[in-house]
PDB file of N, CA and C in Angstrom:
ATOM      1  N   MET A   1      58.615 126.835  69.719  1.00  0.00           N
ATOM      2  CA  MET A   1      58.131 126.906  68.366  1.00  0.00           C
ATOM      3  C   MET A   1      56.936 127.850  68.300  1.00  0.00           C
ATOM      4  N   LYS A   2      56.752 128.435  67.180  1.00  0.00           N
ATOM      5  CA  LYS A   2      55.610 129.301  66.934  1.00  0.00           C
ATOM      6  C   LYS A   2      54.506 128.494  66.270  1.00  0.00           C
ATOM      7  N   ASP A   3      53.280 128.976  66.405  1.00  0.00           N
ATOM      8  CA  ASP A   3      52.144 128.275  65.802  1.00  0.00           C
ATOM      9  C   ASP A   3      52.356 127.999  64.310  1.00  0.00           C
ATOM     10  N   LYS A   4      52.956 128.953  63.647  1.00  0.00           N
ATOM     11  CA  LYS A   4      53.205 128.802  62.192  1.00  0.00           C
ATOM     12  C   LYS A   4      54.131 127.610  61.933  1.00  0.00           C
ATOM     13  N   ASP A   5      55.151 127.408  62.806  1.00  0.00           N
ATOM     14  CA  ASP A   5      56.081 126.291  62.658  1.00  0.00           C
ATOM     15  C   ASP A   5      55.356 124.956  62.832  1.00  0.00           C
ATOM     16  N   TYR A   6      54.459 124.891  63.823  1.00  0.00           N
ATOM     17  CA  TYR A   6      53.685 123.661  64.046  1.00  0.00           C
ATOM     18  C   TYR A   6      52.864 123.334  62.795  1.00  0.00           C
ATOM     19  N   LYS A   7      52.185 124.350  62.295  1.00  0.00           N
ATOM     20  CA  LYS A   7      51.309 124.129  61.153  1.00  0.00           C
ATOM     21  C   LYS A   7      52.096 123.723  59.899  1.00  0.00           C
ATOM     22  N   THR A   8      53.306 124.274  59.743  1.00  0.00           N
ATOM     23  CA  THR A   8      54.152 123.918  58.625  1.00  0.00           C
ATOM     24  C   THR A   8      54.495 122.419  58.693  1.00  0.00           C
ATOM     25  N   MET A   9      54.666 121.906  59.912  1.00  0.00           N
ATOM     26  CA  MET A   9      55.006 120.500  60.091  1.00  0.00           C
ATOM     27  C   MET A   9      53.758 119.603  60.127  1.00  0.00           C
ATOM     28  N   GLY A  10      52.617 120.211  59.955  1.00  0.00           N
ATOM     29  CA  GLY A  10      51.373 119.417  59.970  1.00  0.00           C
ATOM     30  C   GLY A  10      50.883 119.107  61.356  1.00  0.00           C
ATOM     31  N   LEU A  11      51.331 119.878  62.356  1.00  0.00           N
ATOM     32  CA  LEU A  11      50.940 119.651  63.748  1.00  0.00           C
ATOM     33  C   LEU A  11      49.989 120.747  64.209  1.00  0.00           C
ATOM     34  N   THR A  12      49.218 120.430  65.227  1.00  0.00           N
ATOM     35  CA  THR A  12      48.328 121.424  65.805  1.00  0.00           C
ATOM     36  C   THR A  12      48.858 121.780  67.179  1.00  0.00           C
ATOM     37  N   PRO A  13      49.004 123.075  67.470  1.00  0.00           N
ATOM     38  CA  PRO A  13      49.468 123.484  68.806  1.00  0.00           C
ATOM     39  C   PRO A  13      48.506 123.004  69.886  1.00  0.00           C
ATOM     40  N   VAL A  14      49.035 122.613  71.027  1.00  0.00           N
ATOM     41  CA  VAL A  14      48.220 122.124  72.130  1.00  0.00           C
ATOM     42  C   VAL A  14      47.170 123.168  72.506  1.00  0.00           C
ATOM     43  N   GLU A  15      47.560 124.409  72.565  1.00  0.00           N
ATOM     44  CA  GLU A  15      46.615 125.462  72.938  1.00  0.00           C
ATOM     45  C   GLU A  15      45.395 125.466  72.022  1.00  0.00           C
ATOM     46  N   ASP A  16      45.583 125.221  70.740  1.00  0.00           N
ATOM     47  CA  ASP A  16      44.465 125.156  69.804  1.00  0.00           C
ATOM     48  C   ASP A  16      43.544 124.001  70.136  1.00  0.00           C
ATOM     49  N   LEU A  17      44.128 122.855  70.469  1.00  0.00           N
ATOM     50  CA  LEU A  17      43.331 121.683  70.808  1.00  0.00           C
ATOM     51  C   LEU A  17      42.516 121.902  72.088  1.00  0.00           C
ATOM     52  N   ILE A  18      43.176 122.518  73.087  1.00  0.00           N
ATOM     53  CA  ILE A  18      42.478 122.810  74.351  1.00  0.00           C
ATOM     54  C   ILE A  18      41.346 123.807  74.104  1.00  0.00           C
ATOM     55  N   ALA A  19      41.646 124.865  73.345  1.00  0.00           N
ATOM     56  CA  ALA A  19      40.628 125.875  73.053  1.00  0.00           C
ATOM     57  C   ALA A  19      39.446 125.275  72.307  1.00  0.00           C
ATOM     58  N   GLU A  20      39.719 124.339  71.411  1.00  0.00           N
ATOM     59  CA  GLU A  20      38.647 123.674  70.658  1.00  0.00           C
ATOM     60  C   GLU A  20      37.718 122.899  71.553  1.00  0.00           C
ATOM     61  N   ASP A  21      38.284 122.229  72.547  1.00  0.00           N
ATOM     62  CA  ASP A  21      37.472 121.402  73.433  1.00  0.00           C
ATOM     63  C   ASP A  21      36.895 122.168  74.617  1.00  0.00           C
ATOM     64  N   PHE A  22      37.636 123.153  75.141  1.00  0.00           N
ATOM     65  CA  PHE A  22      37.248 123.798  76.397  1.00  0.00           C
ATOM     66  C   PHE A  22      37.072 125.310  76.302  1.00  0.00           C
ATOM     67  N   GLY A  23      37.218 125.875  75.135  1.00  0.00           N
ATOM     68  CA  GLY A  23      37.021 127.304  74.966  1.00  0.00           C
ATOM     69  C   GLY A  23      38.292 128.093  75.127  1.00  0.00           C
ATOM     70  N   SER A  24      38.199 129.359  74.798  1.00  0.00           N
ATOM     71  CA  SER A  24      39.351 130.260  74.881  1.00  0.00           C
ATOM     72  C   SER A  24      39.650 130.607  76.332  1.00  0.00           C
ATOM     73  N   ILE A  25      40.868 131.068  76.578  1.00  0.00           N
ATOM     74  CA  ILE A  25      41.261 131.497  77.909  1.00  0.00           C
ATOM     75  C   ILE A  25      40.292 132.573  78.383  1.00  0.00           C
ATOM     76  N   GLY A  26      39.831 132.396  79.646  1.00  0.00           N
ATOM     77  CA  GLY A  26      38.916 133.365  80.216  1.00  0.00           C
ATOM     78  C   GLY A  26      37.449 133.005  80.153  1.00  0.00           C
ATOM     79  N   THR A  27      37.099 132.020  79.341  1.00  0.00           N
ATOM     80  CA  THR A  27      35.698 131.605  79.285  1.00  0.00           C
ATOM     81  C   THR A  27      35.393 130.717  80.494  1.00  0.00           C
ATOM     82  N   PRO A  28      34.142 130.665  80.922  1.00  0.00           N
ATOM     83  CA  PRO A  28      33.789 129.846  82.086  1.00  0.00           C
ATOM     84  C   PRO A  28      34.197 128.363  81.908  1.00  0.00           C
ATOM     85  N   GLU A  29      34.007 127.838  80.685  1.00  0.00           N
ATOM     86  CA  GLU A  29      34.358 126.437  80.433  1.00  0.00           C
ATOM     87  C   GLU A  29      35.865 126.210  80.578  1.00  0.00           C
ATOM     88  N   ARG A  30      36.633 127.139  80.056  1.00  0.00           N
ATOM     89  CA  ARG A  30      38.092 127.024  80.124  1.00  0.00           C
ATOM     90  C   ARG A  30      38.551 127.161  81.578  1.00  0.00           C
ATOM     91  N   ASN A  31      37.959 128.118  82.314  1.00  0.00           N
ATOM     92  CA  ASN A  31      38.332 128.290  83.718  1.00  0.00           C
ATOM     93  C   ASN A  31      38.055 127.018  84.519  1.00  0.00           C
ATOM     94  N   GLN A  32      36.926 126.377  84.255  1.00  0.00           N
ATOM     95  CA  GLN A  32      36.569 125.129  84.940  1.00  0.00           C
ATOM     96  C   GLN A  32      37.590 124.045  84.604  1.00  0.00           C
ATOM     97  N   PHE A  33      37.943 123.924  83.333  1.00  0.00           N
ATOM     98  CA  PHE A  33      38.938 122.942  82.893  1.00  0.00           C
ATOM     99  C   PHE A  33      40.260 123.180  83.606  1.00  0.00           C
ATOM    100  N   GLU A  34      40.700 124.408  83.667  1.00  0.00           N
ATOM    101  CA  GLU A  34      41.994 124.707  84.311  1.00  0.00           C
ATOM    102  C   GLU A  34      41.954 124.445  85.806  1.00  0.00           C
ATOM    103  N   MET A  35      40.823 124.721  86.474  1.00  0.00           N
ATOM    104  CA  MET A  35      40.706 124.416  87.891  1.00  0.00           C
ATOM    105  C   MET A  35      40.745 122.907  88.110  1.00  0.00           C
ATOM    106  N   GLU A  36      40.113 122.154  87.248  1.00  0.00           N
ATOM    107  CA  GLU A  36      40.144 120.687  87.384  1.00  0.00           C
ATOM    108  C   GLU A  36      41.562 120.134  87.139  1.00  0.00           C
ATOM    109  N   CYS A  37      42.279 120.741  86.200  1.00  0.00           N
ATOM    110  CA  CYS A  37      43.678 120.335  85.967  1.00  0.00           C
ATOM    111  C   CYS A  37      44.537 120.597  87.201  1.00  0.00           C
ATOM    112  N   ASP A  38      44.357 121.779  87.790  1.00  0.00           N
ATOM    113  CA  ASP A  38      45.130 122.123  88.993  1.00  0.00           C
ATOM    114  C   ASP A  38      44.807 121.152  90.131  1.00  0.00           C
ATOM    115  N   ALA A  39      43.517 120.829  90.317  1.00  0.00           N
ATOM    116  CA  ALA A  39      43.121 119.877  91.356  1.00  0.00           C
ATOM    117  C   ALA A  39      43.734 118.505  91.117  1.00  0.00           C
ATOM    118  N   PHE A  40      43.783 118.069  89.860  1.00  0.00           N
ATOM    119  CA  PHE A  40      44.382 116.786  89.529  1.00  0.00           C
ATOM    120  C   PHE A  40      45.867 116.790  89.882  1.00  0.00           C
ATOM    121  N   ILE A  41      46.571 117.848  89.482  1.00  0.00           N
ATOM    122  CA  ILE A  41      48.014 117.944  89.756  1.00  0.00           C
ATOM    123  C   ILE A  41      48.301 117.940  91.253  1.00  0.00           C
ATOM    124  N   ILE A  42      47.541 118.713  92.003  1.00  0.00           N
ATOM    125  CA  ILE A  42      47.715 118.755  93.468  1.00  0.00           C
ATOM    126  C   ILE A  42      47.472 117.378  94.055  1.00  0.00           C
ATOM    127  N   GLY A  43      46.416 116.709  93.595  1.00  0.00           N
ATOM    128  CA  GLY A  43      46.107 115.376  94.112  1.00  0.00           C
ATOM    129  C   GLY A  43      47.193 114.365  93.818  1.00  0.00           C
ATOM    130  N   GLU A  44      47.716 114.408  92.608  1.00  0.00           N
ATOM    131  CA  GLU A  44      48.800 113.471  92.242  1.00  0.00           C
ATOM    132  C   GLU A  44      50.072 113.751  93.056  1.00  0.00           C
ATOM    133  N   GLN A  45      50.370 115.002  93.285  1.00  0.00           N
ATOM    134  CA  GLN A  45      51.564 115.343  94.065  1.00  0.00           C
ATOM    135  C   GLN A  45      51.385 114.918  95.509  1.00  0.00           C
ATOM    136  N   LEU A  46      50.206 115.148  96.079  1.00  0.00           N
ATOM    137  CA  LEU A  46      49.935 114.697  97.442  1.00  0.00           C
ATOM    138  C   LEU A  46      50.083 113.186  97.549  1.00  0.00           C
ATOM    139  N   LYS A  47      49.501 112.465  96.631  1.00  0.00           N
ATOM    140  CA  LYS A  47      49.577 111.007  96.656  1.00  0.00           C
ATOM    141  C   LYS A  47      51.029 110.537  96.579  1.00  0.00           C
ATOM    142  N   ALA A  48      51.802 111.118  95.665  1.00  0.00           N
ATOM    143  CA  ALA A  48      53.223 110.729  95.514  1.00  0.00           C
ATOM    144  C   ALA A  48      53.991 110.996  96.820  1.00  0.00           C
ATOM    145  N   GLU A  49      53.745 112.136  97.436  1.00  0.00           N
ATOM    146  CA  GLU A  49      54.446 112.465  98.682  1.00  0.00           C
ATOM    147  C   GLU A  49      53.985 111.576  99.829  1.00  0.00           C
ATOM    148  N   ARG A  50      52.707 111.255  99.869  1.00  0.00           N
ATOM    149  CA  ARG A  50      52.183 110.370 100.919  1.00  0.00           C
ATOM    150  C   ARG A  50      52.808 108.981 100.807  1.00  0.00           C
ATOM    151  N   VAL A  51      52.837 108.467  99.596  1.00  0.00           N
ATOM    152  CA  VAL A  51      53.427 107.137  99.358  1.00  0.00           C
ATOM    153  C   VAL A  51      54.904 107.169  99.716  1.00  0.00           C
ATOM    154  N   LYS A  52      55.593 108.229  99.298  1.00  0.00           N
ATOM    155  CA  LYS A  52      57.011 108.367  99.608  1.00  0.00           C
ATOM    156  C   LYS A  52      57.253 108.394 101.125  1.00  0.00           C
ATOM    157  N   ALA A  53      56.320 108.990 101.855  1.00  0.00           N
ATOM    158  CA  ALA A  53      56.441 109.054 103.322  1.00  0.00           C
ATOM    159  C   ALA A  53      56.042 107.737 103.973  1.00  0.00           C
ATOM    160  N   GLY A  54      55.510 106.797 103.193  1.00  0.00           N
ATOM    161  CA  GLY A  54      55.127 105.506 103.716  1.00  0.00           C
ATOM    162  C   GLY A  54      53.843 105.554 104.545  1.00  0.00           C
ATOM    163  N   LEU A  55      52.956 106.489 104.196  1.00  0.00           N
ATOM    164  CA  LEU A  55      51.702 106.605 104.949  1.00  0.00           C
ATOM    165  C   LEU A  55      50.525 106.161 104.094  1.00  0.00           C
ATOM    166  N   THR A  56      49.526 105.606 104.758  1.00  0.00           N
ATOM    167  CA  THR A  56      48.262 105.308 104.100  1.00  0.00           C
ATOM    168  C   THR A  56      47.423 106.578 104.146  1.00  0.00           C
ATOM    169  N   GLN A  57      46.344 106.584 103.410  1.00  0.00           N
ATOM    170  CA  GLN A  57      45.433 107.722 103.472  1.00  0.00           C
ATOM    171  C   GLN A  57      44.891 107.870 104.892  1.00  0.00           C
ATOM    172  N   ALA A  58      44.561 106.768 105.513  1.00  0.00           N
ATOM    173  CA  ALA A  58      44.018 106.793 106.885  1.00  0.00           C
ATOM    174  C   ALA A  58      45.028 107.349 107.879  1.00  0.00           C
ATOM    175  N   GLN A  59      46.299 106.956 107.735  1.00  0.00           N
ATOM    176  CA  GLN A  59      47.332 107.464 108.638  1.00  0.00           C
ATOM    177  C   GLN A  59      47.528 108.969 108.487  1.00  0.00           C
ATOM    178  N   LEU A  60      47.561 109.444 107.236  1.00  0.00           N
ATOM    179  CA  LEU A  60      47.705 110.869 106.999  1.00  0.00           C
ATOM    180  C   LEU A  60      46.508 111.622 107.541  1.00  0.00           C
ATOM    181  N   ALA A  61      45.321 111.089 107.329  1.00  0.00           N
ATOM    182  CA  ALA A  61      44.115 111.735 107.813  1.00  0.00           C
ATOM    183  C   ALA A  61      44.152 111.869 109.327  1.00  0.00           C
ATOM    184  N   GLU A  62      44.566 110.791 110.013  1.00  0.00           N
ATOM    185  CA  GLU A  62      44.649 110.814 111.483  1.00  0.00           C
ATOM    186  C   GLU A  62      45.666 111.852 111.952  1.00  0.00           C
ATOM    187  N   LYS A  63      46.782 111.923 111.244  1.00  0.00           N
ATOM    188  CA  LYS A  63      47.849 112.858 111.610  1.00  0.00           C
ATOM    189  C   LYS A  63      47.416 114.312 111.559  1.00  0.00           C
ATOM    190  N   ILE A  64      46.552 114.637 110.608  1.00  0.00           N
ATOM    191  CA  ILE A  64      46.166 116.045 110.467  1.00  0.00           C
ATOM    192  C   ILE A  64      44.719 116.309 110.970  1.00  0.00           C
ATOM    193  N   GLY A  65      44.079 115.285 111.508  1.00  0.00           N
ATOM    194  CA  GLY A  65      42.757 115.486 112.097  1.00  0.00           C
ATOM    195  C   GLY A  65      41.609 115.598 111.108  1.00  0.00           C
ATOM    196  N   THR A  66      41.652 114.751 110.080  1.00  0.00           N
ATOM    197  CA  THR A  66      40.565 114.736 109.122  1.00  0.00           C
ATOM    198  C   THR A  66      40.179 113.285 108.841  1.00  0.00           C
ATOM    199  N   LYS A  67      39.320 113.074 107.866  1.00  0.00           N
ATOM    200  CA  LYS A  67      38.867 111.705 107.508  1.00  0.00           C
ATOM    201  C   LYS A  67      39.616 111.199 106.299  1.00  0.00           C
ATOM    202  N   LYS A  68      39.733 109.876 106.226  1.00  0.00           N
ATOM    203  CA  LYS A  68      40.373 109.236 105.079  1.00  0.00           C
ATOM    204  C   LYS A  68      39.648 109.620 103.797  1.00  0.00           C
ATOM    205  N   SER A  69      38.331 109.718 103.850  1.00  0.00           N
ATOM    206  CA  SER A  69      37.551 110.038 102.644  1.00  0.00           C
ATOM    207  C   SER A  69      37.948 111.410 102.088  1.00  0.00           C
ATOM    208  N   PHE A  70      38.312 112.331 102.975  1.00  0.00           N
ATOM    209  CA  PHE A  70      38.749 113.664 102.515  1.00  0.00           C
ATOM    210  C   PHE A  70      40.072 113.542 101.769  1.00  0.00           C
ATOM    211  N   ILE A  71      41.016 112.787 102.340  1.00  0.00           N
ATOM    212  CA  ILE A  71      42.320 112.553 101.670  1.00  0.00           C
ATOM    213  C   ILE A  71      42.086 111.934 100.293  1.00  0.00           C
ATOM    214  N   SER A  72      41.198 110.978 100.240  1.00  0.00           N
ATOM    215  CA  SER A  72      40.885 110.302  98.975  1.00  0.00           C
ATOM    216  C   SER A  72      40.330 111.287  97.951  1.00  0.00           C
ATOM    217  N   ARG A  73      39.401 112.141  98.379  1.00  0.00           N
ATOM    218  CA  ARG A  73      38.826 113.125  97.444  1.00  0.00           C
ATOM    219  C   ARG A  73      39.872 114.104  96.937  1.00  0.00           C
ATOM    220  N   VAL A  74      40.779 114.526  97.817  1.00  0.00           N
ATOM    221  CA  VAL A  74      41.855 115.440  97.390  1.00  0.00           C
ATOM    222  C   VAL A  74      42.750 114.746  96.375  1.00  0.00           C
ATOM    223  N   GLU A  75      43.132 113.521  96.655  1.00  0.00           N
ATOM    224  CA  GLU A  75      44.022 112.788  95.755  1.00  0.00           C
ATOM    225  C   GLU A  75      43.381 112.525  94.409  1.00  0.00           C
ATOM    226  N   ARG A  76      42.077 112.427  94.359  1.00  0.00           N
ATOM    227  CA  ARG A  76      41.381 112.202  93.094  1.00  0.00           C
ATOM    228  C   ARG A  76      41.022 113.526  92.414  1.00  0.00           C
ATOM    229  N   GLY A  77      41.323 114.650  93.058  1.00  0.00           N
ATOM    230  CA  GLY A  77      41.015 115.952  92.486  1.00  0.00           C
ATOM    231  C   GLY A  77      39.548 116.275  92.526  1.00  0.00           C
ATOM    232  N   HIS A  78      38.809 115.697  93.480  1.00  0.00           N
ATOM    233  CA  HIS A  78      37.378 115.884  93.572  1.00  0.00           C
ATOM    234  C   HIS A  78      36.911 116.800  94.681  1.00  0.00           C
ATOM    235  N   THR A  79      37.778 117.677  95.122  1.00  0.00           N
ATOM    236  CA  THR A  79      37.372 118.640  96.159  1.00  0.00           C
ATOM    237  C   THR A  79      38.098 119.943  95.960  1.00  0.00           C
ATOM    238  N   ASP A  80      37.443 120.992  96.354  1.00  0.00           N
ATOM    239  CA  ASP A  80      38.052 122.309  96.324  1.00  0.00           C
ATOM    240  C   ASP A  80      38.770 122.491  97.651  1.00  0.00           C
ATOM    241  N   ILE A  81      40.037 122.800  97.609  1.00  0.00           N
ATOM    242  CA  ILE A  81      40.843 122.805  98.811  1.00  0.00           C
ATOM    243  C   ILE A  81      41.428 124.189  99.072  1.00  0.00           C
ATOM    244  N   GLN A  82      41.381 124.601 100.320  1.00  0.00           N
ATOM    245  CA  GLN A  82      41.973 125.877 100.704  1.00  0.00           C
ATOM    246  C   GLN A  82      43.478 125.723 100.889  1.00  0.00           C
ATOM    247  N   ILE A  83      44.176 126.820 100.702  1.00  0.00           N
ATOM    248  CA  ILE A  83      45.651 126.808 100.854  1.00  0.00           C
ATOM    249  C   ILE A  83      46.029 126.353 102.256  1.00  0.00           C
ATOM    250  N   SER A  84      45.320 126.800 103.268  1.00  0.00           N
ATOM    251  CA  SER A  84      45.661 126.416 104.639  1.00  0.00           C
ATOM    252  C   SER A  84      45.500 124.901 104.853  1.00  0.00           C
ATOM    253  N   THR A  85      44.506 124.316 104.242  1.00  0.00           N
ATOM    254  CA  THR A  85      44.305 122.858 104.333  1.00  0.00           C
ATOM    255  C   THR A  85      45.403 122.140 103.566  1.00  0.00           C
ATOM    256  N   LEU A  86      45.740 122.645 102.416  1.00  0.00           N
ATOM    257  CA  LEU A  86      46.822 122.059 101.618  1.00  0.00           C
ATOM    258  C   LEU A  86      48.129 122.092 102.407  1.00  0.00           C
ATOM    259  N   ALA A  87      48.409 123.198 103.082  1.00  0.00           N
ATOM    260  CA  ALA A  87      49.611 123.304 103.890  1.00  0.00           C
ATOM    261  C   ALA A  87      49.598 122.286 105.016  1.00  0.00           C
ATOM    262  N   ARG A  88      48.455 122.105 105.657  1.00  0.00           N
ATOM    263  CA  ARG A  88      48.368 121.084 106.719  1.00  0.00           C
ATOM    264  C   ARG A  88      48.616 119.682 106.187  1.00  0.00           C
ATOM    265  N   LEU A  89      48.094 119.408 105.004  1.00  0.00           N
ATOM    266  CA  LEU A  89      48.317 118.075 104.407  1.00  0.00           C
ATOM    267  C   LEU A  89      49.803 117.821 104.198  1.00  0.00           C
ATOM    268  N   PHE A  90      50.481 118.776 103.599  1.00  0.00           N
ATOM    269  CA  PHE A  90      51.896 118.570 103.311  1.00  0.00           C
ATOM    270  C   PHE A  90      52.763 118.624 104.570  1.00  0.00           C
ATOM    271  N   GLN A  91      52.306 119.364 105.585  1.00  0.00           N
ATOM    272  CA  GLN A  91      53.052 119.342 106.857  1.00  0.00           C
ATOM    273  C   GLN A  91      52.893 117.997 107.542  1.00  0.00           C
ATOM    274  N   GLY A  92      51.735 117.340 107.319  1.00  0.00           N
ATOM    275  CA  GLY A  92      51.504 116.019 107.886  1.00  0.00           C
ATOM    276  C   GLY A  92      52.388 114.954 107.280  1.00  0.00           C
ATOM    277  N   LEU A  93      53.002 115.268 106.192  1.00  0.00           N
ATOM    278  CA  LEU A  93      53.906 114.309 105.539  1.00  0.00           C
ATOM    279  C   LEU A  93      55.314 114.437 106.070  1.00  0.00           C
TER     280      LEU A  93
END
């Protein structure tokens, strides 16, 4: 649908709502919001895969040589993670 179609139906496009709260694409606030969204998605996917593999956070941490607290921070989206570390996490599953 086009923005005009949404407005005709009395709806607001999601992009407009996000821009209202977090700024336009490319602004520092918007970039921060998008990074936090990405971290949340990665954390949720890691948690789902870990649970599917039948592992606790502690077991996964031991498997890849890190601490349980690190796994917890990743799953909550509270850490900046390198691609190499992300690959190790998923290989540990």
